[in-house]
All heavy atoms as atom14 arrays in JSON, in Angstrom:
{
  "sequence": "TNGGGSAPLELRYISVSPDLQSALIQFGTNVPVQAFVYWGETLDYE",
  "atom14_mask": [
    [1, 1, 1, 1, 1, 1, 1, 0, 0, 0, 0, 0, 0, 0],
    [1, 1, 1, 1, 1, 1, 1, 1, 0, 0, 0, 0, 0, 0],
    [1, 1, 1, 1, 0, 0, 0, 0, 0, 0, 0, 0, 0, 0],
    [1, 1, 1, 1, 0, 0, 0, 0, 0, 0, 0, 0, 0, 0],
    [1, 1, 1, 1, 0, 0, 0, 0, 0, 0, 0, 0, 0, 0],
    [1, 1, 1, 1, 1, 1, 0, 0, 0, 0, 0, 0, 0, 0],
    [1, 1, 1, 1, 1, 0, 0, 0, 0, 0, 0, 0, 0, 0],
    [1, 1, 1, 1, 1, 1, 1, 0, 0, 0, 0, 0, 0, 0],
    [1, 1, 1, 1, 1, 1, 1, 1, 0, 0, 0, 0, 0, 0],
    [1, 1, 1, 1, 1, 1, 1, 1, 1, 0, 0, 0, 0, 0],
    [1, 1, 1, 1, 1, 1, 1, 1, 0, 0, 0, 0, 0, 0],
    [1, 1, 1, 1, 1, 1, 1, 1, 1, 1, 1, 0, 0, 0],
    [1, 1, 1, 1, 1, 1, 1, 1, 1, 1, 1, 1, 0, 0],
    [1, 1, 1, 1, 1, 1, 1, 1, 0, 0, 0, 0, 0, 0],
    [1, 1, 1, 1, 1, 1, 0, 0, 0, 0, 0, 0, 0, 0],
    [1, 1, 1, 1, 1, 1, 1, 0, 0, 0, 0, 0, 0, 0],
    [1, 1, 1, 1, 1, 1, 0, 0, 0, 0, 0, 0, 0, 0],
    [1, 1, 1, 1, 1, 1, 1, 0, 0, 0, 0, 0, 0, 0],
    [1, 1, 1, 1, 1, 1, 1, 1, 0, 0, 0, 0, 0, 0],
    [1, 1, 1, 1, 1, 1, 1, 1, 0, 0, 0, 0, 0, 0],
    [1, 1, 1, 1, 1, 1, 1, 1, 1, 0, 0, 0, 0, 0],
    [1, 1, 1, 1, 1, 1, 0, 0, 0, 0, 0, 0, 0, 0],
    [1, 1, 1, 1, 1, 0, 0, 0, 0, 0, 0, 0, 0, 0],
    [1, 1, 1, 1, 1, 1, 1, 1, 0, 0, 0, 0, 0, 0],
    [1, 1, 1, 1, 1, 1, 1, 1, 0, 0, 0, 0, 0, 0],
    [1, 1, 1, 1, 1, 1, 1, 1, 1, 0, 0, 0, 0, 0],
    [1, 1, 1, 1, 1, 1, 1, 1, 1, 1, 1, 0, 0, 0],
    [1, 1, 1, 1, 0, 0, 0, 0, 0, 0, 0, 0, 0, 0],
    [1, 1, 1, 1, 1, 1, 1, 0, 0, 0, 0, 0, 0, 0],
    [1, 1, 1, 1, 1, 1, 1, 1, 0, 0, 0, 0, 0, 0],
    [1, 1, 1, 1, 1, 1, 1, 0, 0, 0, 0, 0, 0, 0],
    [1, 1, 1, 1, 1, 1, 1, 0, 0, 0, 0, 0, 0, 0],
    [1, 1, 1, 1, 1, 1, 1, 0, 0, 0, 0, 0, 0, 0],
    [1, 1, 1, 1, 1, 1, 1, 1, 1, 0, 0, 0, 0, 0],
    [1, 1, 1, 1, 1, 0, 0, 0, 0, 0, 0, 0, 0, 0],
    [1, 1, 1, 1, 1, 1, 1, 1, 1, 1, 1, 0, 0, 0],
    [1, 1, 1, 1, 1, 1, 1, 0, 0, 0, 0, 0, 0, 0],
    [1, 1, 1, 1, 1, 1, 1, 1, 1, 1, 1, 1, 0, 0],
    [1, 1, 1, 1, 1, 1, 1, 1, 1, 1, 1, 1, 1, 1],
    [1, 1, 1, 1, 0, 0, 0, 0, 0, 0, 0, 0, 0, 0],
    [1, 1, 1, 1, 1, 1, 1, 1, 1, 0, 0, 0, 0, 0],
    [1, 1, 1, 1, 1, 1, 1, 0, 0, 0, 0, 0, 0, 0],
    [1, 1, 1, 1, 1, 1, 1, 1, 0, 0, 0, 0, 0, 0],
    [1, 1, 1, 1, 1, 1, 1, 1, 0, 0, 0, 0, 0, 0],
    [1, 1, 1, 1, 1, 1, 1, 1, 1, 1, 1, 1, 0, 0],
    [1, 1, 1, 1, 1, 1, 1, 1, 1, 0, 0, 0, 0, 0]
  ],
  "atom14_positions": [
    [[-13.76, -9.82, -10.94], [-13.16, -10.74, -11.9], [-11.86, -10.17, -12.46], [-11.19, -10.81, -13.23], [-14.13, -11.01, -13.07], [-14.44, -9.75, -13.68], [-15.38, -11.69, -12.59], [0.0, 0.0, 0.0], [0.0, 0.0, 0.0], [0.0, 0.0, 0.0], [0.0, 0.0, 0.0], [0.0, 0.0, 0.0], [0.0, 0.0, 0.0], [0.0, 0.0, 0.0]],
    [[-11.5, -8.95, -12.07], [-10.28, -8.32, -12.55], [-9.16, -8.54, -11.54], [-8.62, -7.62, -10.98], [-10.53, -6.83, -12.78], [-9.35, -6.17, -13.45], [-8.46, -6.85, -13.93], [-9.34, -4.85, -13.45], [0.0, 0.0, 0.0], [0.0, 0.0, 0.0], [0.0, 0.0, 0.0], [0.0, 0.0, 0.0], [0.0, 0.0, 0.0], [0.0, 0.0, 0.0]],
    [[-8.81, -9.76, -11.29], [-7.75, -10.06, -10.33], [-8.34, -10.49, -9.02], [-8.04, -11.55, -8.52], [0.0, 0.0, 0.0], [0.0, 0.0, 0.0], [0.0, 0.0, 0.0], [0.0, 0.0, 0.0], [0.0, 0.0, 0.0], [0.0, 0.0, 0.0], [0.0, 0.0, 0.0], [0.0, 0.0, 0.0], [0.0, 0.0, 0.0], [0.0, 0.0, 0.0]],
    [[-9.22, -9.68, -8.45], [-9.9, -10.0, -7.21], [-8.98, -10.63, -6.19], [-7.8, -10.44, -6.2], [0.0, 0.0, 0.0], [0.0, 0.0, 0.0], [0.0, 0.0, 0.0], [0.0, 0.0, 0.0], [0.0, 0.0, 0.0], [0.0, 0.0, 0.0], [0.0, 0.0, 0.0], [0.0, 0.0, 0.0], [0.0, 0.0, 0.0], [0.0, 0.0, 0.0]],
    [[-9.54, -11.37, -5.29], [-8.75, -12.05, -4.29], [-8.33, -13.43, -4.72], [-7.64, -14.13, -3.99], [0.0, 0.0, 0.0], [0.0, 0.0, 0.0], [0.0, 0.0, 0.0], [0.0, 0.0, 0.0], [0.0, 0.0, 0.0], [0.0, 0.0, 0.0], [0.0, 0.0, 0.0], [0.0, 0.0, 0.0], [0.0, 0.0, 0.0], [0.0, 0.0, 0.0]],
    [[-8.74, -13.88, -5.89], [-8.46, -15.26, -6.28], [-7.21, -15.4, -7.15], [-6.59, -16.44, -7.15], [-9.67, -15.85, -7.01], [-9.92, -15.09, -8.18], [0.0, 0.0, 0.0], [0.0, 0.0, 0.0], [0.0, 0.0, 0.0], [0.0, 0.0, 0.0], [0.0, 0.0, 0.0], [0.0, 0.0, 0.0], [0.0, 0.0, 0.0], [0.0, 0.0, 0.0]],
    [[-6.84, -14.36, -7.91], [-5.67, -14.46, -8.77], [-4.41, -14.32, -7.92], [-4.31, -13.39, -7.13], [-5.7, -13.37, -9.84], [0.0, 0.0, 0.0], [0.0, 0.0, 0.0], [0.0, 0.0, 0.0], [0.0, 0.0, 0.0], [0.0, 0.0, 0.0], [0.0, 0.0, 0.0], [0.0, 0.0, 0.0], [0.0, 0.0, 0.0], [0.0, 0.0, 0.0]],
    [[-3.46, -15.23, -8.06], [-2.22, -15.08, -7.29], [-1.44, -13.86, -7.76], [-1.48, -13.5, -8.93], [-1.46, -16.38, -7.58], [-2.01, -16.85, -8.88], [-3.43, -16.39, -8.94], [0.0, 0.0, 0.0], [0.0, 0.0, 0.0], [0.0, 0.0, 0.0], [0.0, 0.0, 0.0], [0.0, 0.0, 0.0], [0.0, 0.0, 0.0], [0.0, 0.0, 0.0]],
    [[-0.75, -13.23, -6.85], [0.07, -12.07, -7.16], [1.32, -12.54, -7.89], [2.07, -13.36, -7.37], [0.43, -11.35, -5.86], [1.36, -10.15, -5.94], [0.84, -9.12, -6.92], [1.52, -9.54, -4.56], [0.0, 0.0, 0.0], [0.0, 0.0, 0.0], [0.0, 0.0, 0.0], [0.0, 0.0, 0.0], [0.0, 0.0, 0.0], [0.0, 0.0, 0.0]],
    [[1.53, -12.04, -9.11], [2.65, -12.49, -9.92], [3.45, -11.3, -10.45], [2.88, -10.29, -10.86], [2.17, -13.28, -11.13], [1.45, -14.56, -10.8], [0.87, -15.22, -12.04], [0.99, -14.67, -13.15], [0.27, -16.29, -11.89], [0.0, 0.0, 0.0], [0.0, 0.0, 0.0], [0.0, 0.0, 0.0], [0.0, 0.0, 0.0], [0.0, 0.0, 0.0]],
    [[4.77, -11.45, -10.47], [5.65, -10.49, -11.12], [5.71, -10.88, -12.59], [6.09, -12.0, -12.92], [7.04, -10.52, -10.48], [8.02, -9.49, -10.99], [7.6, -8.09, -10.57], [9.41, -9.8, -10.48], [0.0, 0.0, 0.0], [0.0, 0.0, 0.0], [0.0, 0.0, 0.0], [0.0, 0.0, 0.0], [0.0, 0.0, 0.0], [0.0, 0.0, 0.0]],
    [[5.32, -9.99, -13.49], [5.27, -10.29, -14.92], [6.61, -10.02, -15.61], [7.0, -10.73, -16.51], [4.17, -9.49, -15.59], [2.78, -9.91, -15.18], [2.38, -11.14, -15.96], [1.2, -11.8, -15.44], [-0.01, -11.63, -15.9], [-0.24, -10.79, -16.87], [-1.01, -12.31, -15.38], [0.0, 0.0, 0.0], [0.0, 0.0, 0.0], [0.0, 0.0, 0.0]],
    [[7.29, -8.96, -15.21], [8.57, -8.63, -15.83], [9.36, -7.75, -14.87], [8.79, -7.12, -13.98], [8.41, -7.92, -17.18], [7.82, -6.54, -17.09], [8.64, -5.42, -16.92], [6.45, -6.34, -17.15], [8.11, -4.15, -16.82], [5.9, -5.07, -17.05], [6.73, -3.98, -16.89], [6.21, -2.73, -16.78], [0.0, 0.0, 0.0], [0.0, 0.0, 0.0]],
    [[10.67, -7.75, -15.07], [11.55, -6.83, -14.34], [12.75, -6.54, -15.22], [13.26, -7.43, -15.91], [12.0, -7.4, -12.98], [12.84, -6.37, -12.22], [12.73, -8.71, -13.14], [13.1, -6.71, -10.78], [0.0, 0.0, 0.0], [0.0, 0.0, 0.0], [0.0, 0.0, 0.0], [0.0, 0.0, 0.0], [0.0, 0.0, 0.0], [0.0, 0.0, 0.0]],
    [[13.16, -5.28, -15.24], [14.37, -4.91, -15.98], [15.11, -3.84, -15.18], [14.49, -3.01, -14.52], [14.04, -4.4, -17.38], [13.42, -3.14, -17.32], [0.0, 0.0, 0.0], [0.0, 0.0, 0.0], [0.0, 0.0, 0.0], [0.0, 0.0, 0.0], [0.0, 0.0, 0.0], [0.0, 0.0, 0.0], [0.0, 0.0, 0.0], [0.0, 0.0, 0.0]],
    [[16.42, -3.9, -15.25], [17.27, -2.93, -14.57], [18.17, -2.3, -15.62], [18.85, -3.0, -16.38], [18.13, -3.59, -13.47], [18.99, -2.55, -12.78], [17.25, -4.32, -12.47], [0.0, 0.0, 0.0], [0.0, 0.0, 0.0], [0.0, 0.0, 0.0], [0.0, 0.0, 0.0], [0.0, 0.0, 0.0], [0.0, 0.0, 0.0], [0.0, 0.0, 0.0]],
    [[18.17, -0.97, -15.67], [19.0, -0.22, -16.62], [19.95, 0.68, -15.84], [19.59, 1.81, -15.48], [18.12, 0.63, -17.54], [17.18, -0.18, -18.22], [0.0, 0.0, 0.0], [0.0, 0.0, 0.0], [0.0, 0.0, 0.0], [0.0, 0.0, 0.0], [0.0, 0.0, 0.0], [0.0, 0.0, 0.0], [0.0, 0.0, 0.0], [0.0, 0.0, 0.0]],
    [[21.15, 0.18, -15.54], [22.09, 1.01, -14.79], [22.78, 2.02, -15.69], [22.93, 1.8, -16.89], [23.1, -0.01, -14.24], [23.03, -1.15, -15.18], [21.64, -1.17, -15.77], [0.0, 0.0, 0.0], [0.0, 0.0, 0.0], [0.0, 0.0, 0.0], [0.0, 0.0, 0.0], [0.0, 0.0, 0.0], [0.0, 0.0, 0.0], [0.0, 0.0, 0.0]],
    [[23.18, 3.12, -15.08], [23.95, 4.16, -15.75], [25.21, 4.38, -14.91], [25.52, 3.56, -14.06], [23.1, 5.43, -15.83], [23.54, 6.36, -16.96], [24.69, 6.23, -17.42], [22.75, 7.21, -17.36], [0.0, 0.0, 0.0], [0.0, 0.0, 0.0], [0.0, 0.0, 0.0], [0.0, 0.0, 0.0], [0.0, 0.0, 0.0], [0.0, 0.0, 0.0]],
    [[25.92, 5.47, -15.11], [27.12, 5.74, -14.31], [26.79, 5.99, -12.85], [27.46, 5.47, -11.96], [27.86, 6.97, -14.87], [28.64, 6.77, -16.14], [29.17, 8.1, -16.66], [29.78, 5.79, -15.94], [0.0, 0.0, 0.0], [0.0, 0.0, 0.0], [0.0, 0.0, 0.0], [0.0, 0.0, 0.0], [0.0, 0.0, 0.0], [0.0, 0.0, 0.0]],
    [[25.76, 6.82, -12.58], [25.47, 7.21, -11.21], [24.0, 7.03, -10.84], [23.52, 7.63, -9.87], [25.87, 8.67, -11.0], [27.36, 8.87, -11.15], [27.77, 10.32, -11.01], [27.14, 11.22, -11.55], [28.83, 10.54, -10.25], [0.0, 0.0, 0.0], [0.0, 0.0, 0.0], [0.0, 0.0, 0.0], [0.0, 0.0, 0.0], [0.0, 0.0, 0.0]],
    [[23.3, 6.2, -11.59], [21.89, 5.94, -11.29], [21.49, 4.62, -11.93], [22.26, 4.02, -12.68], [21.01, 7.07, -11.82], [21.08, 7.12, -13.23], [0.0, 0.0, 0.0], [0.0, 0.0, 0.0], [0.0, 0.0, 0.0], [0.0, 0.0, 0.0], [0.0, 0.0, 0.0], [0.0, 0.0, 0.0], [0.0, 0.0, 0.0], [0.0, 0.0, 0.0]],
    [[20.29, 4.2, -11.59], [19.73, 2.99, -12.21], [18.22, 3.15, -12.28], [17.61, 3.8, -11.41], [20.1, 1.75, -11.42], [0.0, 0.0, 0.0], [0.0, 0.0, 0.0], [0.0, 0.0, 0.0], [0.0, 0.0, 0.0], [0.0, 0.0, 0.0], [0.0, 0.0, 0.0], [0.0, 0.0, 0.0], [0.0, 0.0, 0.0], [0.0, 0.0, 0.0]],
    [[17.62, 2.58, -13.3], [16.18, 2.59, -13.46], [15.7, 1.14, -13.36], [16.15, 0.29, -14.13], [15.79, 3.19, -14.81], [14.29, 3.26, -15.1], [13.61, 4.23, -14.12], [14.05, 3.69, -16.53], [0.0, 0.0, 0.0], [0.0, 0.0, 0.0], [0.0, 0.0, 0.0], [0.0, 0.0, 0.0], [0.0, 0.0, 0.0], [0.0, 0.0, 0.0]],
    [[14.82, 0.89, -12.4], [14.25, -0.44, -12.22], [12.8, -0.36, -12.66], [12.03, 0.46, -12.16], [14.34, -0.91, -10.75], [15.79, -0.92, -10.29], [13.7, -2.28, -10.58], [15.97, -1.23, -8.82], [0.0, 0.0, 0.0], [0.0, 0.0, 0.0], [0.0, 0.0, 0.0], [0.0, 0.0, 0.0], [0.0, 0.0, 0.0], [0.0, 0.0, 0.0]],
    [[12.43, -1.21, -13.61], [11.05, -1.25, -14.1], [10.52, -2.66, -13.9], [11.23, -3.64, -14.15], [11.01, -0.87, -15.58], [11.45, 0.56, -15.82], [11.51, 0.91, -17.29], [12.21, 0.26, -18.06], [10.77, 1.93, -17.67], [0.0, 0.0, 0.0], [0.0, 0.0, 0.0], [0.0, 0.0, 0.0], [0.0, 0.0, 0.0], [0.0, 0.0, 0.0]],
    [[9.27, -2.76, -13.45], [8.67, -4.07, -13.23], [7.16, -3.95, -13.34], [6.59, -2.87, -13.21], [9.09, -4.66, -11.88], [8.85, -3.77, -10.7], [7.69, -3.87, -9.95], [9.79, -2.82, -10.33], [7.47, -3.05, -8.87], [9.59, -2.0, -9.25], [8.41, -2.11, -8.5], [0.0, 0.0, 0.0], [0.0, 0.0, 0.0], [0.0, 0.0, 0.0]],
    [[6.54, -5.07, -13.61], [5.08, -5.11, -13.75], [4.5, -6.34, -13.09], [5.17, -7.37, -12.95], [0.0, 0.0, 0.0], [0.0, 0.0, 0.0], [0.0, 0.0, 0.0], [0.0, 0.0, 0.0], [0.0, 0.0, 0.0], [0.0, 0.0, 0.0], [0.0, 0.0, 0.0], [0.0, 0.0, 0.0], [0.0, 0.0, 0.0], [0.0, 0.0, 0.0]],
    [[3.25, -6.22, -12.67], [2.54, -7.31, -12.0], [1.21, -7.56, -12.7], [0.74, -6.73, -13.49], [2.28, -6.95, -10.53], [1.58, -5.7, -10.47], [3.58, -6.85, -9.75], [0.0, 0.0, 0.0], [0.0, 0.0, 0.0], [0.0, 0.0, 0.0], [0.0, 0.0, 0.0], [0.0, 0.0, 0.0], [0.0, 0.0, 0.0], [0.0, 0.0, 0.0]],
    [[0.61, -8.69, -12.4], [-0.66, -9.05, -13.01], [-1.84, -8.31, -12.37], [-2.91, -8.24, -12.96], [-0.88, -10.55, -12.95], [-0.95, -11.08, -11.54], [-0.23, -10.59, -10.65], [-1.78, -12.07, -11.3], [0.0, 0.0, 0.0], [0.0, 0.0, 0.0], [0.0, 0.0, 0.0], [0.0, 0.0, 0.0], [0.0, 0.0, 0.0], [0.0, 0.0, 0.0]],
    [[-1.68, -7.8, -11.16], [-2.73, -7.02, -10.49], [-2.08, -5.75, -9.94], [-0.87, -5.72, -9.71], [-3.39, -7.83, -9.34], [-4.13, -9.04, -9.88], [-2.38, -8.24, -8.3], [0.0, 0.0, 0.0], [0.0, 0.0, 0.0], [0.0, 0.0, 0.0], [0.0, 0.0, 0.0], [0.0, 0.0, 0.0], [0.0, 0.0, 0.0], [0.0, 0.0, 0.0]],
    [[-2.86, -4.7, -9.71], [-2.28, -3.48, -9.13], [-1.71, -3.76, -7.74], [-2.32, -4.44, -6.93], [-3.48, -2.52, -9.06], [-4.45, -3.03, -10.07], [-4.28, -4.52, -10.07], [0.0, 0.0, 0.0], [0.0, 0.0, 0.0], [0.0, 0.0, 0.0], [0.0, 0.0, 0.0], [0.0, 0.0, 0.0], [0.0, 0.0, 0.0], [0.0, 0.0, 0.0]],
    [[-0.52, -3.21, -7.51], [0.16, -3.4, -6.22], [0.78, -2.09, -5.78], [1.04, -1.2, -6.59], [1.26, -4.48, -6.28], [0.69, -5.84, -6.6], [2.35, -4.1, -7.26], [0.0, 0.0, 0.0], [0.0, 0.0, 0.0], [0.0, 0.0, 0.0], [0.0, 0.0, 0.0], [0.0, 0.0, 0.0], [0.0, 0.0, 0.0], [0.0, 0.0, 0.0]],
    [[1.03, -2.01, -4.49], [1.86, -0.95, -3.96], [3.25, -1.56, -3.86], [3.41, -2.71, -3.43], [1.36, -0.51, -2.59], [2.07, 0.71, -2.07], [1.49, 1.22, -0.75], [0.88, 0.47, -0.02], [1.72, 2.49, -0.48], [0.0, 0.0, 0.0], [0.0, 0.0, 0.0], [0.0, 0.0, 0.0], [0.0, 0.0, 0.0], [0.0, 0.0, 0.0]],
    [[4.27, -0.81, -4.28], [5.63, -1.36, -4.33], [6.54, -0.59, -3.37], [6.43, 0.63, -3.23], [6.19, -1.27, -5.74], [0.0, 0.0, 0.0], [0.0, 0.0, 0.0], [0.0, 0.0, 0.0], [0.0, 0.0, 0.0], [0.0, 0.0, 0.0], [0.0, 0.0, 0.0], [0.0, 0.0, 0.0], [0.0, 0.0, 0.0], [0.0, 0.0, 0.0]],
    [[7.43, -1.34, -2.73], [8.46, -0.78, -1.86], [9.8, -1.29, -2.38], [9.99, -2.51, -2.48], [8.26, -1.23, -0.41], [6.91, -0.87, 0.13], [5.82, -1.7, -0.06], [6.72, 0.32, 0.82], [4.57, -1.38, 0.44], [5.48, 0.66, 1.32], [4.39, -0.18, 1.13], [0.0, 0.0, 0.0], [0.0, 0.0, 0.0], [0.0, 0.0, 0.0]],
    [[10.71, -0.38, -2.73], [12.01, -0.76, -3.28], [13.08, -0.3, -2.29], [13.1, 0.86, -1.87], [12.24, -0.14, -4.67], [13.63, -0.49, -5.19], [11.16, -0.59, -5.64], [0.0, 0.0, 0.0], [0.0, 0.0, 0.0], [0.0, 0.0, 0.0], [0.0, 0.0, 0.0], [0.0, 0.0, 0.0], [0.0, 0.0, 0.0], [0.0, 0.0, 0.0]],
    [[13.97, -1.22, -1.92], [15.08, -0.95, -1.0], [16.38, -1.25, -1.74], [16.45, -2.22, -2.49], [14.99, -1.86, 0.23], [13.65, -1.8, 0.92], [12.6, -2.62, 0.53], [13.44, -0.92, 1.98], [11.37, -2.56, 1.16], [12.21, -0.86, 2.62], [11.18, -1.68, 2.21], [9.96, -1.62, 2.83], [0.0, 0.0, 0.0], [0.0, 0.0, 0.0]],
    [[17.44, -0.46, -1.5], [18.71, -0.72, -2.18], [19.89, -0.35, -1.3], [19.75, 0.41, -0.34], [18.79, 0.0, -3.51], [18.94, 1.49, -3.43], [20.1, 2.18, -3.47], [17.91, 2.46, -3.29], [19.86, 3.54, -3.36], [18.51, 3.73, -3.25], [16.52, 2.38, -3.18], [17.79, 4.9, -3.11], [15.81, 3.55, -3.04], [16.43, 4.79, -3.01]],
    [[21.04, -0.93, -1.65], [22.27, -0.64, -0.92], [23.44, -1.39, -1.52], [23.28, -2.18, -2.46], [0.0, 0.0, 0.0], [0.0, 0.0, 0.0], [0.0, 0.0, 0.0], [0.0, 0.0, 0.0], [0.0, 0.0, 0.0], [0.0, 0.0, 0.0], [0.0, 0.0, 0.0], [0.0, 0.0, 0.0], [0.0, 0.0, 0.0], [0.0, 0.0, 0.0]],
    [[24.62, -1.18, -0.95], [25.8, -1.89, -1.41], [25.93, -3.25, -0.73], [26.82, -4.03, -1.06], [27.06, -1.05, -1.17], [27.1, 0.18, -2.07], [28.39, 0.97, -1.94], [29.46, 0.34, -1.81], [28.32, 2.2, -1.98], [0.0, 0.0, 0.0], [0.0, 0.0, 0.0], [0.0, 0.0, 0.0], [0.0, 0.0, 0.0], [0.0, 0.0, 0.0]],
    [[25.04, -3.53, 0.22], [25.0, -4.83, 0.89], [23.55, -5.3, 0.93], [22.62, -4.54, 0.6], [25.53, -4.74, 2.34], [24.6, -3.98, 3.11], [26.91, -4.09, 2.4], [0.0, 0.0, 0.0], [0.0, 0.0, 0.0], [0.0, 0.0, 0.0], [0.0, 0.0, 0.0], [0.0, 0.0, 0.0], [0.0, 0.0, 0.0], [0.0, 0.0, 0.0]],
    [[23.35, -6.52, 1.39], [21.99, -7.05, 1.51], [21.24, -6.45, 2.7], [20.1, -6.82, 2.96], [22.04, -8.58, 1.63], [22.46, -9.28, 0.33], [22.68, -10.77, 0.56], [21.42, -9.06, -0.76], [0.0, 0.0, 0.0], [0.0, 0.0, 0.0], [0.0, 0.0, 0.0], [0.0, 0.0, 0.0], [0.0, 0.0, 0.0], [0.0, 0.0, 0.0]],
    [[21.85, -5.48, 3.39], [21.14, -4.72, 4.43], [20.35, -3.57, 3.81], [19.58, -2.91, 4.51], [22.13, -4.15, 5.45], [22.75, -5.24, 6.32], [22.1, -6.28, 6.53], [23.9, -5.05, 6.76], [0.0, 0.0, 0.0], [0.0, 0.0, 0.0], [0.0, 0.0, 0.0], [0.0, 0.0, 0.0], [0.0, 0.0, 0.0], [0.0, 0.0, 0.0]],
    [[20.55, -3.3, 2.51], [19.83, -2.26, 1.78], [19.9, -0.92, 2.53], [18.9, -0.26, 2.78], [18.38, -2.67, 1.53], [18.26, -4.05, 0.93], [17.76, -5.12, 1.66], [18.69, -4.3, -0.37], [17.67, -6.39, 1.12], [18.6, -5.57, -0.92], [18.1, -6.6, -0.17], [18.02, -7.86, -0.7], [0.0, 0.0, 0.0], [0.0, 0.0, 0.0]],
    [[21.12, -0.53, 2.86], [21.36, 0.6, 3.74], [21.28, 1.97, 3.08], [21.29, 2.99, 3.76], [22.74, 0.45, 4.41], [23.92, 0.7, 3.48], [24.25, -0.42, 2.5], [23.65, -1.51, 2.55], [25.12, -0.2, 1.65], [0.0, 0.0, 0.0], [0.0, 0.0, 0.0], [0.0, 0.0, 0.0], [0.0, 0.0, 0.0], [0.0, 0.0, 0.0]]
  ]
}
């Protein structure tokens, strides 16, 4: 009953805090997930 297979996977929040030479991305979901983050100067996330 704690999410199980019936609750849809939802993104609850996301925030991005950029600095001069770094950025912090924070996000939360309604159920535990494994996350993969890709980034780049183009949409190829190189």
